[in-house]
């Protein structure tokens, strides 16, 4: 056999094995470690953005740890509710029985309210340690950092690949985005769209 042919054959066989190994490594990642690293990154960036001293940063870290454990419990419970909803909706009888769906939907809504209240409580406790300027910087930091995290997590298309479709209304002329109606009918919705 020609050496180039053998080399190409070995290379073609090795690529799927390597890809499978990387996929297994990704699946083995410990969510706890990922959360730990994410929390470390958040605190590091927050200390930098708000120019926090060590003592204040330590207090904020303790507050965040307490709230993260509470949030984790609620999120796990929500994940169970979502799976239950999926299971019920997949079953032929589940789609017909609102008595099964209604309590779970109410539970999901209640847990989401708890998450929002928990987030507000966290913000209030952290804000009590900060100056007014640092509070303003915190608001901007949280907004920008969330955007940065989404960009880091979002998979990037390879070279030459089409860009994924964007969420939201199409760009361009506003008049084409709203359904027709009498003049001024959609006036209140202009800010939303």
Protein backbone atom coordinates (compact mmCIF):
# COMPACT_ATOMS: atom_id res chain seq x y z
CA UNK A 1 0.00 0.00 0.00
CA UNK A 2 1.02 3.52 -0.65
CA UNK A 3 2.27 5.26 2.56
CA UNK A 4 0.13 8.34 1.93
CA UNK A 5 -2.99 6.18 1.63
CA UNK A 6 -2.17 4.41 4.92
CA UNK A 7 -1.58 7.74 6.64
CA UNK A 8 -4.92 9.13 5.42
CA UNK A 9 -6.73 5.97 6.46
CA UNK A 10 -5.27 6.11 9.97
CA UNK A 11 -6.07 9.81 10.19
CA UNK A 12 -9.69 9.27 9.13
CA UNK A 13 -10.11 6.50 11.69
CA UNK A 14 -8.51 8.54 14.49
CA UNK A 15 -10.70 11.64 14.10
CA UNK A 16 -13.99 9.97 15.14
CA UNK A 17 -12.27 8.28 18.08
CA UNK A 18 -10.85 11.60 19.24
CA UNK A 19 -14.21 13.34 18.79
CA UNK A 20 -15.94 10.60 20.80
CA UNK A 21 -13.35 10.94 23.57
CA UNK A 22 -13.91 14.71 23.72
CA UNK A 23 -17.68 14.17 23.87
CA UNK A 24 -17.25 11.77 26.79
CA UNK A 25 -14.99 14.26 28.57
CA UNK A 26 -17.64 16.95 28.15
CA UNK A 27 -20.33 14.64 29.54
CA UNK A 28 -18.14 13.78 32.54
CA UNK A 29 -17.78 17.41 33.59
CA UNK A 30 -18.99 17.87 37.10
CA UNK A 31 -21.76 20.49 37.32
CA UNK A 32 -20.58 21.34 40.83
CA UNK A 33 -17.10 22.22 39.55
CA UNK A 34 -18.54 24.23 36.70
CA UNK A 35 -20.72 26.17 39.16
CA UNK A 36 -17.69 26.71 41.43
CA UNK A 37 -15.60 28.07 38.56
CA UNK A 38 -18.46 30.26 37.40
CA UNK A 39 -18.87 31.67 40.90
CA UNK A 40 -15.12 32.33 41.14
CA UNK A 41 -15.18 34.10 37.76
CA UNK A 42 -18.21 36.16 38.81
CA UNK A 43 -16.60 37.27 42.06
CA UNK A 44 -13.28 38.04 40.42
CA UNK A 45 -14.91 40.16 37.72
CA UNK A 46 -17.19 41.82 40.30
CA UNK A 47 -14.25 42.72 42.56
CA UNK A 48 -12.53 44.23 39.56
CA UNK A 49 -15.58 46.13 38.25
CA UNK A 50 -16.67 47.51 41.64
CA UNK A 51 -13.14 48.03 42.99
CA UNK A 52 -13.99 46.06 46.14
CA UNK A 53 -11.63 45.60 49.04
CA UNK A 54 -10.91 42.10 50.34
CA UNK A 55 -13.16 42.42 53.40
CA UNK A 56 -16.23 43.53 51.40
CA UNK A 57 -15.57 40.89 48.74
CA UNK A 58 -15.46 38.17 51.42
CA UNK A 59 -18.78 39.34 52.89
CA UNK A 60 -20.39 39.38 49.45
CA UNK A 61 -19.03 35.92 48.72
CA UNK A 62 -20.60 34.55 51.91
CA UNK A 63 -23.96 36.14 51.05
CA UNK A 64 -23.81 34.72 47.52
CA UNK A 65 -22.95 31.22 48.78
CA UNK A 66 -26.01 31.21 51.02
CA UNK A 67 -28.29 32.33 48.20
CA UNK A 68 -26.73 30.00 45.64
CA UNK A 69 -27.52 26.96 47.79
CA UNK A 70 -31.14 28.11 48.19
CA UNK A 71 -31.40 28.83 44.47
CA UNK A 72 -29.95 25.43 43.62
CA UNK A 73 -32.67 23.66 45.62
CA UNK A 74 -35.43 25.60 43.85
CA UNK A 75 -33.86 25.04 40.43
CA UNK A 76 -33.59 21.29 41.02
CA UNK A 77 -37.23 21.19 42.03
CA UNK A 78 -38.14 23.20 38.92
CA UNK A 79 -36.18 20.78 36.74
CA UNK A 80 -38.21 17.91 38.22
CA UNK A 81 -41.44 19.80 37.50
CA UNK A 82 -40.36 20.44 33.90
CA UNK A 83 -39.60 16.76 33.41
CA UNK A 84 -42.99 15.82 34.88
CA UNK A 85 -44.69 18.24 32.48
CA UNK A 86 -42.81 16.71 29.54
CA UNK A 87 -43.78 13.21 30.61
CA UNK A 88 -47.45 14.12 31.02
CA UNK A 89 -47.58 15.92 27.68
CA UNK A 90 -45.95 12.99 25.89
CA UNK A 91 -48.48 10.52 27.25
CA UNK A 92 -51.71 10.31 25.22
CA UNK A 93 -53.95 10.76 28.27
CA UNK A 94 -51.94 13.60 29.79
CA UNK A 95 -52.88 16.04 27.08
CA UNK A 96 -56.54 15.58 27.86
CA UNK A 97 -56.36 15.86 31.65
CA UNK A 98 -55.96 19.45 32.89
CA UNK A 99 -56.23 18.21 36.49
CA UNK A 100 -52.74 16.73 36.16
CA UNK A 101 -51.22 19.78 34.49
CA UNK A 102 -52.77 22.62 36.53
CA UNK A 103 -51.10 21.87 39.89
CA UNK A 104 -47.70 21.46 38.26
CA UNK A 105 -48.08 24.71 36.32
CA UNK A 106 -49.07 26.50 39.53
CA UNK A 107 -46.05 24.98 41.28
CA UNK A 108 -43.70 26.15 38.50
CA UNK A 109 -45.09 29.67 38.68
CA UNK A 110 -44.71 29.73 42.47
CA UNK A 111 -41.11 28.52 42.29
CA UNK A 112 -40.27 31.15 39.69
CA UNK A 113 -41.68 33.80 42.02
CA UNK A 114 -39.49 32.38 44.81
CA UNK A 115 -36.44 32.63 42.55
CA UNK A 116 -37.24 36.27 41.76
CA UNK A 117 -37.75 37.05 45.46
CA UNK A 118 -34.48 35.31 46.28
CA UNK A 119 -32.69 37.34 43.61
CA UNK A 120 -34.15 40.58 45.01
CA UNK A 121 -33.13 39.60 48.53
CA UNK A 122 -29.59 38.83 47.35
CA UNK A 123 -29.36 42.17 45.59
CA UNK A 124 -30.64 44.01 48.70
CA UNK A 125 -28.15 42.31 51.02
CA UNK A 126 -25.22 42.91 48.69
CA UNK A 127 -26.29 46.51 48.08
CA UNK A 128 -26.27 47.21 51.82
CA UNK A 129 -22.49 46.67 51.76
CA UNK A 130 -21.87 48.99 48.81
CA UNK A 131 -21.74 52.71 48.23
CA UNK A 132 -24.34 54.26 45.92
CA UNK A 133 -21.76 54.45 43.12
CA UNK A 134 -20.85 50.78 43.61
CA UNK A 135 -24.56 49.88 43.51
CA UNK A 136 -24.86 51.61 40.13
CA UNK A 137 -21.72 49.81 38.95
CA UNK A 138 -23.17 46.53 40.22
CA UNK A 139 -26.33 46.99 38.14
CA UNK A 140 -24.28 47.61 35.01
CA UNK A 141 -21.86 44.80 35.84
CA UNK A 142 -24.65 42.25 36.24
CA UNK A 143 -26.21 43.27 32.93
CA UNK A 144 -22.92 43.18 31.01
CA UNK A 145 -21.62 40.05 32.71
CA UNK A 146 -24.77 38.08 31.87
CA UNK A 147 -24.35 39.10 28.24
CA UNK A 148 -20.67 38.10 28.34
CA UNK A 149 -21.51 34.70 29.84
CA UNK A 150 -24.12 34.01 27.17
CA UNK A 151 -21.57 34.83 24.49
CA UNK A 152 -18.99 32.53 26.09
CA UNK A 153 -21.46 29.66 26.36
CA UNK A 154 -23.07 30.07 22.94
CA UNK A 155 -21.40 27.76 20.42
CA UNK A 156 -19.65 29.61 17.65
CA UNK A 157 -20.09 28.49 14.07
CA UNK A 158 -16.97 27.30 12.30
CA UNK A 159 -15.37 29.21 9.46
CA UNK A 160 -17.66 29.40 6.46
CA UNK A 161 -20.67 28.14 8.42
CA UNK A 162 -23.90 30.12 8.22
CA UNK A 163 -24.71 32.22 11.25
CA UNK A 164 -27.54 30.88 13.39
CA UNK A 165 -30.89 32.68 13.17
CA UNK A 166 -31.35 35.48 15.69
CA UNK A 167 -34.16 35.56 18.18
CA UNK A 168 -36.64 38.40 18.20
CA UNK A 169 -38.33 40.46 15.55
CA UNK A 170 -36.65 41.01 12.20
CA UNK A 171 -34.45 44.06 11.79
CA UNK A 172 -35.55 46.90 9.57
CA UNK A 173 -38.67 48.96 9.07
CA UNK A 174 -40.93 48.93 12.15
CA UNK A 175 -44.11 49.29 10.11
CA UNK A 176 -43.63 45.81 8.63
CA UNK A 177 -43.29 44.15 12.01
CA UNK A 178 -46.68 45.07 13.44
CA UNK A 179 -49.92 43.68 12.06
CA UNK A 180 -52.14 46.15 10.20
CA UNK A 181 -54.74 48.07 12.13
CA UNK A 182 -56.16 51.53 12.66
CA UNK A 183 -53.60 54.34 13.05
CA UNK A 184 -52.22 54.49 16.59
CA UNK A 185 -53.53 51.04 17.52
CA UNK A 186 -50.03 49.69 18.19
CA UNK A 187 -48.69 52.91 19.72
CA UNK A 188 -48.28 51.30 23.15
CA UNK A 189 -46.29 48.42 21.69
CA UNK A 190 -43.67 50.53 19.91
CA UNK A 191 -41.35 50.42 22.92
CA UNK A 192 -41.64 46.65 23.17
CA UNK A 193 -40.81 45.97 19.55
